[in-house]
Amino acid sequence: MNWNKVHESDLKGALLVTRGAAFRDLGRLDEAEKCAVQAMECQPESHQPYTLMGAIYYDRCEYAKGDHWFDMAAERGANDTDDEIERIVRMTKDRDKRRDVAKYLL
């Protein structure tokens, strides 16, 4: 996609978040993070790129950093960060990783 052709910052930010989420689903976390950072540049007041970053850091088992991003998302109006964390735990296939995140959350 030619990102230079997308002039509306809200649309560009939403597309980048969606692309980043797809990369995250594929386990391509570095690419997902790049999309989230670009989306923040387009939409600094939107909670969605910050929520994506929180999920990326939880996937990396860097829970405190993930919490930081989720807090930033909440400051921007996200009211579903707990739901997102629950989804991360539920969708994690690695039993040890699921136990580690549950231990961290407790």
PDB file of N, CA and C in Angstrom:
ATOM      1  N   MET A   1       0.853  -1.184   0.000  1.00  0.00           N
ATOM      2  CA  MET A   1       0.000   0.000   0.000  1.00  0.00           C
ATOM      3  C   MET A   1       0.893   1.239   0.000  1.00  0.00           C
ATOM      4  N   ASN A   2       0.499   2.203  -0.779  1.00  0.00           N
ATOM      5  CA  ASN A   2       1.221   3.470  -0.813  1.00  0.00           C
ATOM      6  C   ASN A   2       0.620   4.391   0.252  1.00  0.00           C
ATOM      7  N   TRP A   3       1.302   4.479   1.386  1.00  0.00           N
ATOM      8  CA  TRP A   3       0.789   5.258   2.520  1.00  0.00           C
ATOM      9  C   TRP A   3       0.756   6.747   2.213  1.00  0.00           C
ATOM     10  N   ASN A   4       1.555   7.194   1.244  1.00  0.00           N
ATOM     11  CA  ASN A   4       1.565   8.618   0.887  1.00  0.00           C
ATOM     12  C   ASN A   4       0.266   9.049   0.221  1.00  0.00           C
ATOM     13  N   LYS A   5      -0.492   8.105  -0.296  1.00  0.00           N
ATOM     14  CA  LYS A   5      -1.763   8.437  -0.937  1.00  0.00           C
ATOM     15  C   LYS A   5      -2.906   8.586   0.065  1.00  0.00           C
ATOM     16  N   VAL A   6      -2.691   8.168   1.297  1.00  0.00           N
ATOM     17  CA  VAL A   6      -3.714   8.306   2.340  1.00  0.00           C
ATOM     18  C   VAL A   6      -3.435   9.606   3.072  1.00  0.00           C
ATOM     19  N   HIS A   7      -4.280  10.607   2.834  1.00  0.00           N
ATOM     20  CA  HIS A   7      -4.028  11.943   3.380  1.00  0.00           C
ATOM     21  C   HIS A   7      -4.762  12.208   4.689  1.00  0.00           C
ATOM     22  N   GLU A   8      -5.852  11.514   4.933  1.00  0.00           N
ATOM     23  CA  GLU A   8      -6.618  11.727   6.159  1.00  0.00           C
ATOM     24  C   GLU A   8      -5.923  10.990   7.299  1.00  0.00           C
ATOM     25  N   SER A   9      -5.495  11.732   8.307  1.00  0.00           N
ATOM     26  CA  SER A   9      -4.721  11.119   9.388  1.00  0.00           C
ATOM     27  C   SER A   9      -5.530  10.093  10.178  1.00  0.00           C
ATOM     28  N   ASP A  10      -6.846  10.349  10.365  1.00  0.00           N
ATOM     29  CA  ASP A  10      -7.661   9.381  11.105  1.00  0.00           C
ATOM     30  C   ASP A  10      -7.767   8.059  10.354  1.00  0.00           C
ATOM     31  N   LEU A  11      -7.977   8.135   9.057  1.00  0.00           N
ATOM     32  CA  LEU A  11      -8.064   6.925   8.243  1.00  0.00           C
ATOM     33  C   LEU A  11      -6.728   6.197   8.217  1.00  0.00           C
ATOM     34  N   LYS A  12      -5.659   6.941   8.038  1.00  0.00           N
ATOM     35  CA  LYS A  12      -4.327   6.339   8.005  1.00  0.00           C
ATOM     36  C   LYS A  12      -4.013   5.659   9.339  1.00  0.00           C
ATOM     37  N   GLY A  13      -4.344   6.319  10.447  1.00  0.00           N
ATOM     38  CA  GLY A  13      -4.125   5.734  11.764  1.00  0.00           C
ATOM     39  C   GLY A  13      -4.916   4.451  11.958  1.00  0.00           C
ATOM     40  N   ALA A  14      -6.175   4.469  11.547  1.00  0.00           N
ATOM     41  CA  ALA A  14      -7.022   3.276  11.690  1.00  0.00           C
ATOM     42  C   ALA A  14      -6.489   2.127  10.840  1.00  0.00           C
ATOM     43  N   LEU A  15      -6.054   2.430   9.630  1.00  0.00           N
ATOM     44  CA  LEU A  15      -5.485   1.390   8.762  1.00  0.00           C
ATOM     45  C   LEU A  15      -4.202   0.817   9.349  1.00  0.00           C
ATOM     46  N   LEU A  16      -3.380   1.682   9.918  1.00  0.00           N
ATOM     47  CA  LEU A  16      -2.128   1.215  10.522  1.00  0.00           C
ATOM     48  C   LEU A  16      -2.387   0.336  11.744  1.00  0.00           C
ATOM     49  N   VAL A  17      -3.382   0.692  12.556  1.00  0.00           N
ATOM     50  CA  VAL A  17      -3.732  -0.138  13.718  1.00  0.00           C
ATOM     51  C   VAL A  17      -4.216  -1.509  13.247  1.00  0.00           C
ATOM     52  N   THR A  18      -5.053  -1.511  12.239  1.00  0.00           N
ATOM     53  CA  THR A  18      -5.567  -2.774  11.707  1.00  0.00           C
ATOM     54  C   THR A  18      -4.435  -3.622  11.146  1.00  0.00           C
ATOM     55  N   ARG A  19      -3.545  -2.991  10.411  1.00  0.00           N
ATOM     56  CA  ARG A  19      -2.392  -3.716   9.857  1.00  0.00           C
ATOM     57  C   ARG A  19      -1.504  -4.244  10.982  1.00  0.00           C
ATOM     58  N   GLY A  20      -1.277  -3.412  11.981  1.00  0.00           N
ATOM     59  CA  GLY A  20      -0.471  -3.832  13.120  1.00  0.00           C
ATOM     60  C   GLY A  20      -1.087  -5.007  13.860  1.00  0.00           C
ATOM     61  N   ALA A  21      -2.396  -4.993  14.012  1.00  0.00           N
ATOM     62  CA  ALA A  21      -3.085  -6.107  14.677  1.00  0.00           C
ATOM     63  C   ALA A  21      -2.935  -7.388  13.864  1.00  0.00           C
ATOM     64  N   ALA A  22      -2.975  -7.269  12.547  1.00  0.00           N
ATOM     65  CA  ALA A  22      -2.786  -8.447  11.696  1.00  0.00           C
ATOM     66  C   ALA A  22      -1.363  -8.996  11.851  1.00  0.00           C
ATOM     67  N   PHE A  23      -0.375  -8.104  11.872  1.00  0.00           N
ATOM     68  CA  PHE A  23       1.006  -8.546  12.096  1.00  0.00           C
ATOM     69  C   PHE A  23       1.136  -9.222  13.463  1.00  0.00           C
ATOM     70  N   ARG A  24       0.479  -8.664  14.458  1.00  0.00           N
ATOM     71  CA  ARG A  24       0.514  -9.263  15.798  1.00  0.00           C
ATOM     72  C   ARG A  24      -0.083 -10.660  15.776  1.00  0.00           C
ATOM     73  N   ASP A  25      -1.195 -10.824  15.095  1.00  0.00           N
ATOM     74  CA  ASP A  25      -1.827 -12.138  14.993  1.00  0.00           C
ATOM     75  C   ASP A  25      -0.899 -13.153  14.323  1.00  0.00           C
ATOM     76  N   LEU A  26      -0.042 -12.668  13.431  1.00  0.00           N
ATOM     77  CA  LEU A  26       0.909 -13.537  12.736  1.00  0.00           C
ATOM     78  C   LEU A  26       2.196 -13.745  13.533  1.00  0.00           C
ATOM     79  N   GLY A  27       2.303 -13.087  14.692  1.00  0.00           N
ATOM     80  CA  GLY A  27       3.503 -13.214  15.518  1.00  0.00           C
ATOM     81  C   GLY A  27       4.648 -12.344  15.043  1.00  0.00           C
ATOM     82  N   ARG A  28       4.370 -11.413  14.159  1.00  0.00           N
ATOM     83  CA  ARG A  28       5.393 -10.509  13.626  1.00  0.00           C
ATOM     84  C   ARG A  28       5.347  -9.208  14.437  1.00  0.00           C
ATOM     85  N   LEU A  29       5.845  -9.316  15.666  1.00  0.00           N
ATOM     86  CA  LEU A  29       5.660  -8.247  16.645  1.00  0.00           C
ATOM     87  C   LEU A  29       6.443  -6.986  16.322  1.00  0.00           C
ATOM     88  N   ASP A  30       7.620  -7.110  15.730  1.00  0.00           N
ATOM     89  CA  ASP A  30       8.384  -5.908  15.376  1.00  0.00           C
ATOM     90  C   ASP A  30       7.634  -5.083  14.330  1.00  0.00           C
ATOM     91  N   GLU A  31       7.056  -5.760  13.352  1.00  0.00           N
ATOM     92  CA  GLU A  31       6.285  -5.052  12.327  1.00  0.00           C
ATOM     93  C   GLU A  31       5.004  -4.469  12.910  1.00  0.00           C
ATOM     94  N   ALA A  32       4.398  -5.191  13.835  1.00  0.00           N
ATOM     95  CA  ALA A  32       3.199  -4.691  14.507  1.00  0.00           C
ATOM     96  C   ALA A  32       3.526  -3.417  15.289  1.00  0.00           C
ATOM     97  N   GLU A  33       4.665  -3.423  15.960  1.00  0.00           N
ATOM     98  CA  GLU A  33       5.066  -2.249  16.734  1.00  0.00           C
ATOM     99  C   GLU A  33       5.308  -1.048  15.825  1.00  0.00           C
ATOM    100  N   LYS A  34       5.941  -1.267  14.693  1.00  0.00           N
ATOM    101  CA  LYS A  34       6.172  -0.165  13.752  1.00  0.00           C
ATOM    102  C   LYS A  34       4.855   0.461  13.311  1.00  0.00           C
ATOM    103  N   CYS A  35       3.873  -0.386  13.037  1.00  0.00           N
ATOM    104  CA  CYS A  35       2.553   0.128  12.644  1.00  0.00           C
ATOM    105  C   CYS A  35       1.921   0.925  13.778  1.00  0.00           C
ATOM    106  N   ALA A  36       2.028   0.423  14.998  1.00  0.00           N
ATOM    107  CA  ALA A  36       1.439   1.118  16.149  1.00  0.00           C
ATOM    108  C   ALA A  36       2.085   2.490  16.339  1.00  0.00           C
ATOM    109  N   VAL A  37       3.400   2.557  16.213  1.00  0.00           N
ATOM    110  CA  VAL A  37       4.111   3.831  16.368  1.00  0.00           C
ATOM    111  C   VAL A  37       3.672   4.814  15.283  1.00  0.00           C
ATOM    112  N   GLN A  38       3.567   4.336  14.057  1.00  0.00           N
ATOM    113  CA  GLN A  38       3.107   5.208  12.970  1.00  0.00           C
ATOM    114  C   GLN A  38       1.669   5.667  13.209  1.00  0.00           C
ATOM    115  N   ALA A  39       0.836   4.779  13.728  1.00  0.00           N
ATOM    116  CA  ALA A  39      -0.552   5.144  14.019  1.00  0.00           C
ATOM    117  C   ALA A  39      -0.609   6.205  15.114  1.00  0.00           C
ATOM    118  N   MET A  40       0.269   6.107  16.105  1.00  0.00           N
ATOM    119  CA  MET A  40       0.320   7.129  17.166  1.00  0.00           C
ATOM    120  C   MET A  40       0.676   8.488  16.592  1.00  0.00           C
ATOM    121  N   GLU A  41       1.547   8.499  15.586  1.00  0.00           N
ATOM    122  CA  GLU A  41       1.917   9.764  14.952  1.00  0.00           C
ATOM    123  C   GLU A  41       0.723  10.369  14.223  1.00  0.00           C
ATOM    124  N   CYS A  42      -0.113   9.509  13.652  1.00  0.00           N
ATOM    125  CA  CYS A  42      -1.307   9.983  12.931  1.00  0.00           C
ATOM    126  C   CYS A  42      -2.434  10.374  13.872  1.00  0.00           C
ATOM    127  N   GLN A  43      -2.593   9.604  14.947  1.00  0.00           N
ATOM    128  CA  GLN A  43      -3.707   9.788  15.874  1.00  0.00           C
ATOM    129  C   GLN A  43      -3.208   9.740  17.320  1.00  0.00           C
ATOM    130  N   PRO A  44      -2.490  10.755  17.754  1.00  0.00           N
ATOM    131  CA  PRO A  44      -1.917  10.698  19.111  1.00  0.00           C
ATOM    132  C   PRO A  44      -2.953  10.649  20.233  1.00  0.00           C
ATOM    133  N   GLU A  45      -4.171  11.068  19.964  1.00  0.00           N
ATOM    134  CA  GLU A  45      -5.202  11.066  21.003  1.00  0.00           C
ATOM    135  C   GLU A  45      -6.111   9.842  20.950  1.00  0.00           C
ATOM    136  N   SER A  46      -5.914   8.976  19.974  1.00  0.00           N
ATOM    137  CA  SER A  46      -6.709   7.754  19.875  1.00  0.00           C
ATOM    138  C   SER A  46      -6.121   6.692  20.799  1.00  0.00           C
ATOM    139  N   HIS A  47      -6.977   5.949  21.457  1.00  0.00           N
ATOM    140  CA  HIS A  47      -6.499   4.908  22.366  1.00  0.00           C
ATOM    141  C   HIS A  47      -6.064   3.638  21.625  1.00  0.00           C
ATOM    142  N   GLN A  48      -6.498   3.456  20.404  1.00  0.00           N
ATOM    143  CA  GLN A  48      -6.279   2.189  19.716  1.00  0.00           C
ATOM    144  C   GLN A  48      -4.806   1.823  19.492  1.00  0.00           C
ATOM    145  N   PRO A  49      -3.952   2.736  19.037  1.00  0.00           N
ATOM    146  CA  PRO A  49      -2.551   2.326  18.870  1.00  0.00           C
ATOM    147  C   PRO A  49      -1.869   1.996  20.202  1.00  0.00           C
ATOM    148  N   TYR A  50      -2.297   2.655  21.264  1.00  0.00           N
ATOM    149  CA  TYR A  50      -1.713   2.401  22.577  1.00  0.00           C
ATOM    150  C   TYR A  50      -2.164   1.041  23.113  1.00  0.00           C
ATOM    151  N   THR A  51      -3.418   0.701  22.842  1.00  0.00           N
ATOM    152  CA  THR A  51      -3.909  -0.626  23.213  1.00  0.00           C
ATOM    153  C   THR A  51      -3.143  -1.702  22.461  1.00  0.00           C
ATOM    154  N   LEU A  52      -2.899  -1.463  21.177  1.00  0.00           N
ATOM    155  CA  LEU A  52      -2.112  -2.403  20.380  1.00  0.00           C
ATOM    156  C   LEU A  52      -0.718  -2.568  20.960  1.00  0.00           C
ATOM    157  N   MET A  53      -0.093  -1.480  21.348  1.00  0.00           N
ATOM    158  CA  MET A  53       1.253  -1.565  21.940  1.00  0.00           C
ATOM    159  C   MET A  53       1.219  -2.357  23.246  1.00  0.00           C
ATOM    160  N   GLY A  54       0.198  -2.152  24.051  1.00  0.00           N
ATOM    161  CA  GLY A  54       0.076  -2.918  25.289  1.00  0.00           C
ATOM    162  C   GLY A  54       0.001  -4.409  24.999  1.00  0.00           C
ATOM    163  N   ALA A  55      -0.794  -4.777  24.015  1.00  0.00           N
ATOM    164  CA  ALA A  55      -0.930  -6.183  23.647  1.00  0.00           C
ATOM    165  C   ALA A  55       0.377  -6.745  23.105  1.00  0.00           C
ATOM    166  N   ILE A  56       1.091  -5.955  22.329  1.00  0.00           N
ATOM    167  CA  ILE A  56       2.382  -6.395  21.785  1.00  0.00           C
ATOM    168  C   ILE A  56       3.350  -6.698  22.922  1.00  0.00           C
ATOM    169  N   TYR A  57       3.401  -5.812  23.906  1.00  0.00           N
ATOM    170  CA  TYR A  57       4.337  -6.032  25.017  1.00  0.00           C
ATOM    171  C   TYR A  57       3.904  -7.192  25.912  1.00  0.00           C
ATOM    172  N   TYR A  58       2.634  -7.428  26.035  1.00  0.00           N
ATOM    173  CA  TYR A  58       2.188  -8.632  26.748  1.00  0.00           C
ATOM    174  C   TYR A  58       2.603  -9.877  25.967  1.00  0.00           C
ATOM    175  N   ASP A  59       2.489  -9.830  24.650  1.00  0.00           N
ATOM    176  CA  ASP A  59       2.926 -10.965  23.835  1.00  0.00           C
ATOM    177  C   ASP A  59       4.418 -11.218  23.989  1.00  0.00           C
ATOM    178  N   ARG A  60       5.166 -10.170  24.250  1.00  0.00           N
ATOM    179  CA  ARG A  60       6.619 -10.290  24.447  1.00  0.00           C
ATOM    180  C   ARG A  60       6.976 -10.650  25.887  1.00  0.00           C
ATOM    181  N   CYS A  61       5.973 -10.830  26.728  1.00  0.00           N
ATOM    182  CA  CYS A  61       6.152 -11.142  28.154  1.00  0.00           C
ATOM    183  C   CYS A  61       6.801  -9.987  28.912  1.00  0.00           C
ATOM    184  N   GLU A  62       6.626  -8.784  28.416  1.00  0.00           N
ATOM    185  CA  GLU A  62       7.106  -7.580  29.091  1.00  0.00           C
ATOM    186  C   GLU A  62       5.871  -6.873  29.662  1.00  0.00           C
ATOM    187  N   TYR A  63       5.352  -7.481  30.732  1.00  0.00           N
ATOM    188  CA  TYR A  63       4.042  -7.101  31.252  1.00  0.00           C
ATOM    189  C   TYR A  63       4.001  -5.682  31.823  1.00  0.00           C
ATOM    190  N   ALA A  64       5.039  -5.252  32.509  1.00  0.00           N
ATOM    191  CA  ALA A  64       5.045  -3.899  33.072  1.00  0.00           C
ATOM    192  C   ALA A  64       5.010  -2.853  31.956  1.00  0.00           C
ATOM    193  N   LYS A  65       5.751  -3.100  30.883  1.00  0.00           N
ATOM    194  CA  LYS A  65       5.712  -2.184  29.740  1.00  0.00           C
ATOM    195  C   LYS A  65       4.331  -2.221  29.088  1.00  0.00           C
ATOM    196  N   GLY A  66       3.752  -3.422  29.019  1.00  0.00           N
ATOM    197  CA  GLY A  66       2.405  -3.539  28.478  1.00  0.00           C
ATOM    198  C   GLY A  66       1.411  -2.749  29.307  1.00  0.00           C
ATOM    199  N   ASP A  67       1.526  -2.843  30.625  1.00  0.00           N
ATOM    200  CA  ASP A  67       0.637  -2.088  31.512  1.00  0.00           C
ATOM    201  C   ASP A  67       0.780  -0.587  31.284  1.00  0.00           C
ATOM    202  N   HIS A  68       2.019  -0.143  31.061  1.00  0.00           N
ATOM    203  CA  HIS A  68       2.265   1.278  30.779  1.00  0.00           C
ATOM    204  C   HIS A  68       1.474   1.715  29.543  1.00  0.00           C
ATOM    205  N   TRP A  69       1.544   0.915  28.473  1.00  0.00           N
ATOM    206  CA  TRP A  69       0.822   1.250  27.249  1.00  0.00           C
ATOM    207  C   TRP A  69      -0.687   1.178  27.470  1.00  0.00           C
ATOM    208  N   PHE A  70      -1.149   0.186  28.217  1.00  0.00           N
ATOM    209  CA  PHE A  70      -2.576   0.093  28.504  1.00  0.00           C
ATOM    210  C   PHE A  70      -3.048   1.298  29.334  1.00  0.00           C
ATOM    211  N   ASP A  71      -2.208   1.757  30.264  1.00  0.00           N
ATOM    212  CA  ASP A  71      -2.550   2.959  31.040  1.00  0.00           C
ATOM    213  C   ASP A  71      -2.670   4.175  30.120  1.00  0.00           C
ATOM    214  N   MET A  72      -1.752   4.280  29.165  1.00  0.00           N
ATOM    215  CA  MET A  72      -1.810   5.395  28.219  1.00  0.00           C
ATOM    216  C   MET A  72      -3.077   5.306  27.361  1.00  0.00           C
ATOM    217  N   ALA A  73      -3.476   4.089  27.008  1.00  0.00           N
ATOM    218  CA  ALA A  73      -4.720   3.903  26.255  1.00  0.00           C
ATOM    219  C   ALA A  73      -5.916   4.348  27.092  1.00  0.00           C
ATOM    220  N   ALA A  74      -5.905   3.985  28.377  1.00  0.00           N
ATOM    221  CA  ALA A  74      -7.002   4.373  29.275  1.00  0.00           C
ATOM    222  C   ALA A  74      -7.079   5.893  29.414  1.00  0.00           C
ATOM    223  N   GLU A  75      -5.922   6.556  29.460  1.00  0.00           N
ATOM    224  CA  GLU A  75      -5.899   8.020  29.536  1.00  0.00           C
ATOM    225  C   GLU A  75      -6.553   8.650  28.306  1.00  0.00           C
ATOM    226  N   ARG A  76      -6.558   7.906  27.209  1.00  0.00           N
ATOM    227  CA  ARG A  76      -7.136   8.410  25.956  1.00  0.00           C
ATOM    228  C   ARG A  76      -8.550   7.883  25.716  1.00  0.00           C
ATOM    229  N   GLY A  77      -9.130   7.275  26.737  1.00  0.00           N
ATOM    230  CA  GLY A  77     -10.528   6.890  26.647  1.00  0.00           C
ATOM    231  C   GLY A  77     -10.818   5.408  26.513  1.00  0.00           C
ATOM    232  N   ALA A  78      -9.802   4.561  26.449  1.00  0.00           N
ATOM    233  CA  ALA A  78     -10.057   3.114  26.359  1.00  0.00           C
ATOM    234  C   ALA A  78     -10.684   2.644  27.665  1.00  0.00           C
ATOM    235  N   ASN A  79     -11.742   1.904  27.547  1.00  0.00           N
ATOM    236  CA  ASN A  79     -12.371   1.364  28.752  1.00  0.00           C
ATOM    237  C   ASN A  79     -12.402  -0.155  28.727  1.00  0.00           C
ATOM    238  N   ASP A  80     -11.632  -0.737  27.806  1.00  0.00           N
ATOM    239  CA  ASP A  80     -11.651  -2.195  27.651  1.00  0.00           C
ATOM    240  C   ASP A  80     -10.269  -2.829  27.788  1.00  0.00           C
ATOM    241  N   THR A  81      -9.339  -2.163  28.461  1.00  0.00           N
ATOM    242  CA  THR A  81      -7.990  -2.723  28.563  1.00  0.00           C
ATOM    243  C   THR A  81      -7.984  -4.018  29.363  1.00  0.00           C
ATOM    244  N   ASP A  82      -8.821  -4.114  30.387  1.00  0.00           N
ATOM    245  CA  ASP A  82      -8.901  -5.374  31.137  1.00  0.00           C
ATOM    246  C   ASP A  82      -9.420  -6.496  30.249  1.00  0.00           C
ATOM    247  N   ASP A  83     -10.379  -6.169  29.398  1.00  0.00           N
ATOM    248  CA  ASP A  83     -10.899  -7.168  28.455  1.00  0.00           C
ATOM    249  C   ASP A  83      -9.815  -7.617  27.481  1.00  0.00           C
ATOM    250  N   GLU A  84      -9.005  -6.669  27.039  1.00  0.00           N
ATOM    251  CA  GLU A  84      -7.916  -7.000  26.110  1.00  0.00           C
ATOM    252  C   GLU A  84      -6.899  -7.920  26.788  1.00  0.00           C
ATOM    253  N   ILE A  85      -6.542  -7.631  28.028  1.00  0.00           N
ATOM    254  CA  ILE A  85      -5.608  -8.481  28.758  1.00  0.00           C
ATOM    255  C   ILE A  85      -6.208  -9.872  28.947  1.00  0.00           C
ATOM    256  N   GLU A  86      -7.500  -9.933  29.280  1.00  0.00           N
ATOM    257  CA  GLU A  86      -8.164 -11.229  29.424  1.00  0.00           C
ATOM    258  C   GLU A  86      -8.109 -12.021  28.114  1.00  0.00           C
ATOM    259  N   ARG A  87      -8.335 -11.336  26.987  1.00  0.00           N
ATOM    260  CA  ARG A  87      -8.262 -12.000  25.672  1.00  0.00           C
ATOM    261  C   ARG A  87      -6.860 -12.536  25.402  1.00  0.00           C
ATOM    262  N   ILE A  88      -5.859 -11.761  25.777  1.00  0.00           N
ATOM    263  CA  ILE A  88      -4.468 -12.193  25.579  1.00  0.00           C
ATOM    264  C   ILE A  88      -4.212 -13.474  26.344  1.00  0.00           C
ATOM    265  N   VAL A  89      -4.627 -13.497  27.602  1.00  0.00           N
ATOM    266  CA  VAL A  89      -4.425 -14.687  28.434  1.00  0.00           C
ATOM    267  C   VAL A  89      -5.182 -15.873  27.851  1.00  0.00           C
ATOM    268  N   ARG A  90      -6.421 -15.641  27.477  1.00  0.00           N
ATOM    269  CA  ARG A  90      -7.259 -16.717  26.950  1.00  0.00           C
ATOM    270  C   ARG A  90      -6.736 -17.266  25.623  1.00  0.00           C
ATOM    271  N   MET A  91      -6.191 -16.413  24.787  1.00  0.00           N
ATOM    272  CA  MET A  91      -5.759 -16.827  23.451  1.00  0.00           C
ATOM    273  C   MET A  91      -4.330 -17.376  23.425  1.00  0.00           C
ATOM    274  N   THR A  92      -3.602 -17.230  24.517  1.00  0.00           N
ATOM    275  CA  THR A  92      -2.231 -17.726  24.569  1.00  0.00           C
ATOM    276  C   THR A  92      -2.241 -19.250  24.588  1.00  0.00           C
ATOM    277  N   LYS A  93      -1.602 -19.834  23.598  1.00  0.00           N
ATOM    278  CA  LYS A  93      -1.581 -21.293  23.481  1.00  0.00           C
ATOM    279  C   LYS A  93      -0.500 -21.928  24.340  1.00  0.00           C
ATOM    280  N   ASP A  94       0.560 -21.188  24.591  1.00  0.00           N
ATOM    281  CA  ASP A  94       1.675 -21.685  25.390  1.00  0.00           C
ATOM    282  C   ASP A  94       1.272 -21.696  26.866  1.00  0.00           C
ATOM    283  N   ARG A  95       1.177 -22.894  27.420  1.00  0.00           N
ATOM    284  CA  ARG A  95       0.711 -23.051  28.806  1.00  0.00           C
ATOM    285  C   ARG A  95       1.609 -22.338  29.815  1.00  0.00           C
ATOM    286  N   ASP A  96       2.921 -22.422  29.622  1.00  0.00           N
ATOM    287  CA  ASP A  96       3.843 -21.756  30.542  1.00  0.00           C
ATOM    288  C   ASP A  96       3.690 -20.238  30.480  1.00  0.00           C
ATOM    289  N   LYS A  97       3.537 -19.730  29.275  1.00  0.00           N
ATOM    290  CA  LYS A  97       3.355 -18.287  29.106  1.00  0.00           C
ATOM    291  C   LYS A  97       2.040 -17.838  29.746  1.00  0.00           C
ATOM    292  N   ARG A  98       0.989 -18.632  29.577  1.00  0.00           N
ATOM    293  CA  ARG A  98      -0.306 -18.301  30.189  1.00  0.00           C
ATOM    294  C   ARG A  98      -0.188 -18.292  31.712  1.00  0.00           C
ATOM    295  N   ARG A  99       0.544 -19.253  32.256  1.00  0.00           N
ATOM    296  CA  ARG A  99       0.743 -19.309  33.704  1.00  0.00           C
ATOM    297  C   ARG A  99       1.542 -18.094  34.174  1.00  0.00           C
ATOM    298  N   ASP A 100       2.584 -17.717  33.398  1.00  0.00           N
ATOM    299  CA  ASP A 100       3.420 -16.561  33.778  1.00  0.00           C
ATOM    300  C   ASP A 100       2.619 -15.264  33.808  1.00  0.00           C
ATOM    301  N   VAL A 101       1.780 -15.037  32.777  1.00  0.00           N
ATOM    302  CA  VAL A 101       0.998 -13.817  32.763  1.00  0.00           C
ATOM    303  C   VAL A 101      -0.038 -13.832  33.877  1.00  0.00           C
ATOM    304  N   ALA A 102      -0.638 -14.974  34.158  1.00  0.00           N
ATOM    305  CA  ALA A 102      -1.600 -15.053  35.247  1.00  0.00           C
ATOM    306  C   ALA A 102      -0.915 -14.787  36.582  1.00  0.00           C
ATOM    307  N   LYS A 103       0.269 -15.317  36.752  1.00  0.00           N
ATOM    308  CA  LYS A 103       1.037 -15.075  37.974  1.00  0.00           C
ATOM    309  C   LYS A 103       1.351 -13.588  38.121  1.00  0.00           C
ATOM    310  N   TYR A 104       1.739 -12.958  37.020  1.00  0.00           N
ATOM    311  CA  TYR A 104       2.035 -11.515  37.042  1.00  0.00           C
ATOM    312  C   TYR A 104       0.777 -10.720  37.428  1.00  0.00           C
ATOM    313  N   LEU A 105      -0.342 -11.081  36.851  1.00  0.00           N
ATOM    314  CA  LEU A 105      -1.568 -10.332  37.104  1.00  0.00           C
ATOM    315  C   LEU A 105      -2.065 -10.497  38.542  1.00  0.00           C
ATOM    316  N   LEU A 106      -1.795 -11.666  39.120  1.00  0.00           N
ATOM    317  CA  LEU A 106      -2.206 -11.878  40.508  1.00  0.00           C
ATOM    318  C   LEU A 106      -1.277 -11.144  41.456  1.00  0.00           C
TER     319      LEU A 106
END
